[in-house]
Amino acid sequence: MVIFLLWCLLFVLSWPLALVALICFPFVWLFLLPFRLAGIAVHGALALVAAIILLPARIIRGIA
């Protein structure tokens, strides 16, 4: 909703720039999509490493 309101404000201030932004938005989204997917993969890998490192402490905590 905030992005839409900012776009409306930009449209009121400079409509040609707002139309260019509206046309370029899908291309920018497609360009950034691989980086977003890489971020998800890296986050998952780091969560797996953290789980493996913390596993002995969780096992000891479960026994005690």
PDB file of N, CA and C in Angstrom:
ATOM      1  N   MET A   1       0.831  -1.191   0.000  1.00  0.00           N
ATOM      2  CA  MET A   1       0.000   0.000   0.000  1.00  0.00           C
ATOM      3  C   MET A   1       0.872   1.250   0.000  1.00  0.00           C
ATOM      4  N   VAL A   2       1.967   1.198   0.771  1.00  0.00           N
ATOM      5  CA  VAL A   2       2.858   2.356   0.848  1.00  0.00           C
ATOM      6  C   VAL A   2       3.499   2.626  -0.509  1.00  0.00           C
ATOM      7  N   ILE A   3       3.882   1.549  -1.200  1.00  0.00           N
ATOM      8  CA  ILE A   3       4.500   1.726  -2.520  1.00  0.00           C
ATOM      9  C   ILE A   3       3.506   2.365  -3.482  1.00  0.00           C
ATOM     10  N   PHE A   4       2.257   1.942  -3.403  1.00  0.00           N
ATOM     11  CA  PHE A   4       1.237   2.535  -4.271  1.00  0.00           C
ATOM     12  C   PHE A   4       1.046   4.020  -3.971  1.00  0.00           C
ATOM     13  N   LEU A   5       1.011   4.381  -2.703  1.00  0.00           N
ATOM     14  CA  LEU A   5       0.855   5.798  -2.341  1.00  0.00           C
ATOM     15  C   LEU A   5       2.061   6.620  -2.786  1.00  0.00           C
ATOM     16  N   LEU A   6       3.256   6.049  -2.649  1.00  0.00           N
ATOM     17  CA  LEU A   6       4.446   6.762  -3.129  1.00  0.00           C
ATOM     18  C   LEU A   6       4.407   6.928  -4.641  1.00  0.00           C
ATOM     19  N   TRP A   7       3.924   5.891  -5.342  1.00  0.00           N
ATOM     20  CA  TRP A   7       3.813   6.011  -6.785  1.00  0.00           C
ATOM     21  C   TRP A   7       2.787   7.082  -7.164  1.00  0.00           C
ATOM     22  N   CYS A   8       1.674   7.156  -6.438  1.00  0.00           N
ATOM     23  CA  CYS A   8       0.669   8.202  -6.694  1.00  0.00           C
ATOM     24  C   CYS A   8       1.257   9.588  -6.469  1.00  0.00           C
ATOM     25  N   LEU A   9       2.049   9.726  -5.426  1.00  0.00           N
ATOM     26  CA  LEU A   9       2.701  11.011  -5.169  1.00  0.00           C
ATOM     27  C   LEU A   9       3.665  11.356  -6.300  1.00  0.00           C
ATOM     28  N   LEU A  10       4.434  10.364  -6.750  1.00  0.00           N
ATOM     29  CA  LEU A  10       5.345  10.592  -7.870  1.00  0.00           C
ATOM     30  C   LEU A  10       4.563  10.934  -9.130  1.00  0.00           C
ATOM     31  N   PHE A  11       3.406  10.299  -9.329  1.00  0.00           N
ATOM     32  CA  PHE A  11       2.584  10.585 -10.496  1.00  0.00           C
ATOM     33  C   PHE A  11       2.086  12.030 -10.480  1.00  0.00           C
ATOM     34  N   VAL A  12       1.739  12.520  -9.309  1.00  0.00           N
ATOM     35  CA  VAL A  12       1.273  13.904  -9.202  1.00  0.00           C
ATOM     36  C   VAL A  12       2.423  14.869  -9.455  1.00  0.00           C
ATOM     37  N   LEU A  13       3.613  14.547  -8.931  1.00  0.00           N
ATOM     38  CA  LEU A  13       4.753  15.456  -9.077  1.00  0.00           C
ATOM     39  C   LEU A  13       5.362  15.398 -10.468  1.00  0.00           C
ATOM     40  N   SER A  14       5.513  14.189 -11.015  1.00  0.00           N
ATOM     41  CA  SER A  14       6.143  14.043 -12.319  1.00  0.00           C
ATOM     42  C   SER A  14       5.577  12.801 -13.003  1.00  0.00           C
ATOM     43  N   TRP A  15       4.539  12.966 -13.795  1.00  0.00           N
ATOM     44  CA  TRP A  15       3.882  11.821 -14.388  1.00  0.00           C
ATOM     45  C   TRP A  15       4.748  11.064 -15.390  1.00  0.00           C
ATOM     46  N   PRO A  16       5.643  11.711 -16.177  1.00  0.00           N
ATOM     47  CA  PRO A  16       6.469  10.894 -17.080  1.00  0.00           C
ATOM     48  C   PRO A  16       7.410   9.952 -16.313  1.00  0.00           C
ATOM     49  N   LEU A  17       7.983  10.454 -15.225  1.00  0.00           N
ATOM     50  CA  LEU A  17       8.873   9.629 -14.416  1.00  0.00           C
ATOM     51  C   LEU A  17       8.094   8.479 -13.768  1.00  0.00           C
ATOM     52  N   ALA A  18       6.872   8.741 -13.350  1.00  0.00           N
ATOM     53  CA  ALA A  18       6.048   7.696 -12.747  1.00  0.00           C
ATOM     54  C   ALA A  18       5.701   6.619 -13.774  1.00  0.00           C
ATOM     55  N   LEU A  19       5.428   6.999 -15.000  1.00  0.00           N
ATOM     56  CA  LEU A  19       5.128   6.007 -16.036  1.00  0.00           C
ATOM     57  C   LEU A  19       6.360   5.176 -16.382  1.00  0.00           C
ATOM     58  N   VAL A  20       7.533   5.828 -16.422  1.00  0.00           N
ATOM     59  CA  VAL A  20       8.777   5.080 -16.656  1.00  0.00           C
ATOM     60  C   VAL A  20       9.020   4.089 -15.521  1.00  0.00           C
ATOM     61  N   ALA A  21       8.783   4.517 -14.290  1.00  0.00           N
ATOM     62  CA  ALA A  21       8.950   3.619 -13.148  1.00  0.00           C
ATOM     63  C   ALA A  21       7.967   2.456 -13.232  1.00  0.00           C
ATOM     64  N   LEU A  22       6.758   2.719 -13.668  1.00  0.00           N
ATOM     65  CA  LEU A  22       5.749   1.665 -13.794  1.00  0.00           C
ATOM     66  C   LEU A  22       6.134   0.657 -14.870  1.00  0.00           C
ATOM     67  N   ILE A  23       6.725   1.125 -15.946  1.00  0.00           N
ATOM     68  CA  ILE A  23       7.148   0.230 -17.028  1.00  0.00           C
ATOM     69  C   ILE A  23       8.393  -0.555 -16.633  1.00  0.00           C
ATOM     70  N   CYS A  24       9.330   0.077 -15.909  1.00  0.00           N
ATOM     71  CA  CYS A  24      10.592  -0.576 -15.547  1.00  0.00           C
ATOM     72  C   CYS A  24      10.456  -1.518 -14.355  1.00  0.00           C
ATOM     73  N   PHE A  25       9.417  -1.384 -13.550  1.00  0.00           N
ATOM     74  CA  PHE A  25       9.296  -2.186 -12.338  1.00  0.00           C
ATOM     75  C   PHE A  25       9.341  -3.699 -12.577  1.00  0.00           C
ATOM     76  N   PRO A  26       8.610  -4.236 -13.569  1.00  0.00           N
ATOM     77  CA  PRO A  26       8.691  -5.699 -13.775  1.00  0.00           C
ATOM     78  C   PRO A  26      10.087  -6.168 -14.179  1.00  0.00           C
ATOM     79  N   PHE A  27      10.795  -5.357 -14.968  1.00  0.00           N
ATOM     80  CA  PHE A  27      12.140  -5.743 -15.391  1.00  0.00           C
ATOM     81  C   PHE A  27      13.121  -5.714 -14.223  1.00  0.00           C
ATOM     82  N   VAL A  28      12.984  -4.739 -13.362  1.00  0.00           N
ATOM     83  CA  VAL A  28      13.828  -4.682 -12.165  1.00  0.00           C
ATOM     84  C   VAL A  28      13.518  -5.861 -11.255  1.00  0.00           C
ATOM     85  N   TRP A  29      12.250  -6.207 -11.122  1.00  0.00           N
ATOM     86  CA  TRP A  29      11.864  -7.349 -10.292  1.00  0.00           C
ATOM     87  C   TRP A  29      12.466  -8.641 -10.840  1.00  0.00           C
ATOM     88  N   LEU A  30      12.406  -8.825 -12.162  1.00  0.00           N
ATOM     89  CA  LEU A  30      12.994 -10.013 -12.774  1.00  0.00           C
ATOM     90  C   LEU A  30      14.507 -10.037 -12.618  1.00  0.00           C
ATOM     91  N   PHE A  31      15.155  -8.876 -12.682  1.00  0.00           N
ATOM     92  CA  PHE A  31      16.604  -8.796 -12.517  1.00  0.00           C
ATOM     93  C   PHE A  31      17.008  -9.167 -11.092  1.00  0.00           C
ATOM     94  N   LEU A  32      16.231  -8.757 -10.101  1.00  0.00           N
ATOM     95  CA  LEU A  32      16.573  -9.009  -8.701  1.00  0.00           C
ATOM     96  C   LEU A  32      16.141 -10.382  -8.205  1.00  0.00           C
ATOM     97  N   LEU A  33      15.318 -11.089  -8.963  1.00  0.00           N
ATOM     98  CA  LEU A  33      14.807 -12.387  -8.533  1.00  0.00           C
ATOM     99  C   LEU A  33      15.913 -13.412  -8.252  1.00  0.00           C
ATOM    100  N   PRO A  34      16.945 -13.554  -9.095  1.00  0.00           N
ATOM    101  CA  PRO A  34      18.003 -14.523  -8.764  1.00  0.00           C
ATOM    102  C   PRO A  34      18.724 -14.190  -7.454  1.00  0.00           C
ATOM    103  N   PHE A  35      18.911 -12.926  -7.164  1.00  0.00           N
ATOM    104  CA  PHE A  35      19.568 -12.534  -5.912  1.00  0.00           C
ATOM    105  C   PHE A  35      18.691 -12.894  -4.718  1.00  0.00           C
ATOM    106  N   ARG A  36      17.394 -12.747  -4.863  1.00  0.00           N
ATOM    107  CA  ARG A  36      16.472 -13.110  -3.787  1.00  0.00           C
ATOM    108  C   ARG A  36      16.492 -14.623  -3.556  1.00  0.00           C
ATOM    109  N   LEU A  37      16.506 -15.392  -4.650  1.00  0.00           N
ATOM    110  CA  LEU A  37      16.573 -16.847  -4.520  1.00  0.00           C
ATOM    111  C   LEU A  37      17.901 -17.287  -3.904  1.00  0.00           C
ATOM    112  N   ALA A  38      18.996 -16.625  -4.280  1.00  0.00           N
ATOM    113  CA  ALA A  38      20.296 -16.947  -3.685  1.00  0.00           C
ATOM    114  C   ALA A  38      20.286 -16.618  -2.194  1.00  0.00           C
ATOM    115  N   GLY A  39      19.647 -15.544  -1.801  1.00  0.00           N
ATOM    116  CA  GLY A  39      19.547 -15.190  -0.388  1.00  0.00           C
ATOM    117  C   GLY A  39      18.774 -16.227   0.398  1.00  0.00           C
ATOM    118  N   ILE A  40      17.703 -16.756  -0.194  1.00  0.00           N
ATOM    119  CA  ILE A  40      16.932 -17.799   0.473  1.00  0.00           C
ATOM    120  C   ILE A  40      17.776 -19.053   0.642  1.00  0.00           C
ATOM    121  N   ALA A  41      18.548 -19.410  -0.386  1.00  0.00           N
ATOM    122  CA  ALA A  41      19.390 -20.607  -0.320  1.00  0.00           C
ATOM    123  C   ALA A  41      20.490 -20.448   0.723  1.00  0.00           C
ATOM    124  N   VAL A  42      21.123 -19.286   0.752  1.00  0.00           N
ATOM    125  CA  VAL A  42      22.184 -19.042   1.732  1.00  0.00           C
ATOM    126  C   VAL A  42      21.619 -19.057   3.148  1.00  0.00           C
ATOM    127  N   HIS A  43      20.457 -18.470   3.336  1.00  0.00           N
ATOM    128  CA  HIS A  43      19.825 -18.479   4.660  1.00  0.00           C
ATOM    129  C   HIS A  43      19.540 -19.909   5.104  1.00  0.00           C
ATOM    130  N   GLY A  44      19.053 -20.741   4.207  1.00  0.00           N
ATOM    131  CA  GLY A  44      18.783 -22.132   4.530  1.00  0.00           C
ATOM    132  C   GLY A  44      20.053 -22.895   4.873  1.00  0.00           C
ATOM    133  N   ALA A  45      21.124 -22.663   4.106  1.00  0.00           N
ATOM    134  CA  ALA A  45      22.387 -23.344   4.373  1.00  0.00           C
ATOM    135  C   ALA A  45      22.960 -22.922   5.719  1.00  0.00           C
ATOM    136  N   LEU A  46      22.888 -21.649   6.037  1.00  0.00           N
ATOM    137  CA  LEU A  46      23.407 -21.181   7.326  1.00  0.00           C
ATOM    138  C   LEU A  46      22.555 -21.699   8.483  1.00  0.00           C
ATOM    139  N   ALA A  47      21.262 -21.817   8.283  1.00  0.00           N
ATOM    140  CA  ALA A  47      20.403 -22.389   9.328  1.00  0.00           C
ATOM    141  C   ALA A  47      20.747 -23.857   9.555  1.00  0.00           C
ATOM    142  N   LEU A  48      21.058 -24.583   8.477  1.00  0.00           N
ATOM    143  CA  LEU A  48      21.464 -25.980   8.614  1.00  0.00           C
ATOM    144  C   LEU A  48      22.774 -26.099   9.379  1.00  0.00           C
ATOM    145  N   VAL A  49      23.750 -25.258   9.066  1.00  0.00           N
ATOM    146  CA  VAL A  49      25.031 -25.271   9.776  1.00  0.00           C
ATOM    147  C   VAL A  49      24.821 -24.938  11.251  1.00  0.00           C
ATOM    148  N   ALA A  50      24.009 -23.956  11.545  1.00  0.00           N
ATOM    149  CA  ALA A  50      23.736 -23.596  12.943  1.00  0.00           C
ATOM    150  C   ALA A  50      23.052 -24.743  13.675  1.00  0.00           C
ATOM    151  N   ALA A  51      22.137 -25.434  13.023  1.00  0.00           N
ATOM    152  CA  ALA A  51      21.459 -26.566  13.649  1.00  0.00           C
ATOM    153  C   ALA A  51      22.439 -27.704  13.939  1.00  0.00           C
ATOM    154  N   ILE A  52      23.363 -27.944  13.023  1.00  0.00           N
ATOM    155  CA  ILE A  52      24.358 -29.003  13.236  1.00  0.00           C
ATOM    156  C   ILE A  52      25.294 -28.639  14.381  1.00  0.00           C
ATOM    157  N   ILE A  53      25.702 -27.375  14.442  1.00  0.00           N
ATOM    158  CA  ILE A  53      26.616 -26.943  15.509  1.00  0.00           C
ATOM    159  C   ILE A  53      25.929 -26.989  16.871  1.00  0.00           C
ATOM    160  N   LEU A  54      24.666 -26.623  16.932  1.00  0.00           N
ATOM    161  CA  LEU A  54      23.948 -26.572  18.201  1.00  0.00           C
ATOM    162  C   LEU A  54      23.311 -27.902  18.599  1.00  0.00           C
ATOM    163  N   LEU A  55      23.413 -28.927  17.747  1.00  0.00           N
ATOM    164  CA  LEU A  55      22.783 -30.204  18.045  1.00  0.00           C
ATOM    165  C   LEU A  55      23.307 -30.846  19.334  1.00  0.00           C
ATOM    166  N   PRO A  56      24.626 -30.884  19.599  1.00  0.00           N
ATOM    167  CA  PRO A  56      25.075 -31.497  20.859  1.00  0.00           C
ATOM    168  C   PRO A  56      24.504 -30.797  22.094  1.00  0.00           C
ATOM    169  N   ALA A  57      24.416 -29.506  22.065  1.00  0.00           N
ATOM    170  CA  ALA A  57      23.868 -28.783  23.215  1.00  0.00           C
ATOM    171  C   ALA A  57      22.386 -29.111  23.393  1.00  0.00           C
ATOM    172  N   ARG A  58      21.658 -29.272  22.319  1.00  0.00           N
ATOM    173  CA  ARG A  58      20.234 -29.611  22.429  1.00  0.00           C
ATOM    174  C   ARG A  58      20.054 -31.024  22.956  1.00  0.00           C
ATOM    175  N   ILE A  59      20.948 -31.921  22.554  1.00  0.00           N
ATOM    176  CA  ILE A  59      20.859 -33.304  23.052  1.00  0.00           C
ATOM    177  C   ILE A  59      21.158 -33.352  24.542  1.00  0.00           C
ATOM    178  N   ILE A  60      22.220 -32.641  24.978  1.00  0.00           N
ATOM    179  CA  ILE A  60      22.578 -32.607  26.395  1.00  0.00           C
ATOM    180  C   ILE A  60      21.456 -31.967  27.212  1.00  0.00           C
ATOM    181  N   ARG A  61      20.882 -30.904  26.699  1.00  0.00           N
ATOM    182  CA  ARG A  61      19.775 -30.228  27.380  1.00  0.00           C
ATOM    183  C   ARG A  61      18.563 -31.149  27.499  1.00  0.00           C
ATOM    184  N   GLY A  62      18.345 -32.005  26.484  1.00  0.00           N
ATOM    185  CA  GLY A  62      17.227 -32.926  26.532  1.00  0.00           C
ATOM    186  C   GLY A  62      17.421 -34.044  27.525  1.00  0.00           C
ATOM    187  N   ILE A  63      18.676 -34.444  27.731  1.00  0.00           N
ATOM    188  CA  ILE A  63      18.971 -35.518  28.689  1.00  0.00           C
ATOM    189  C   ILE A  63      18.836 -35.018  30.116  1.00  0.00           C
ATOM    190  N   ALA A  64      19.354 -33.811  30.359  1.00  0.00           N
ATOM    191  CA  ALA A  64      19.382 -33.292  31.733  1.00  0.00           C
ATOM    192  C   ALA A  64      18.062 -32.769  32.201  1.00  0.00           C
TER     193      ALA A  64
END
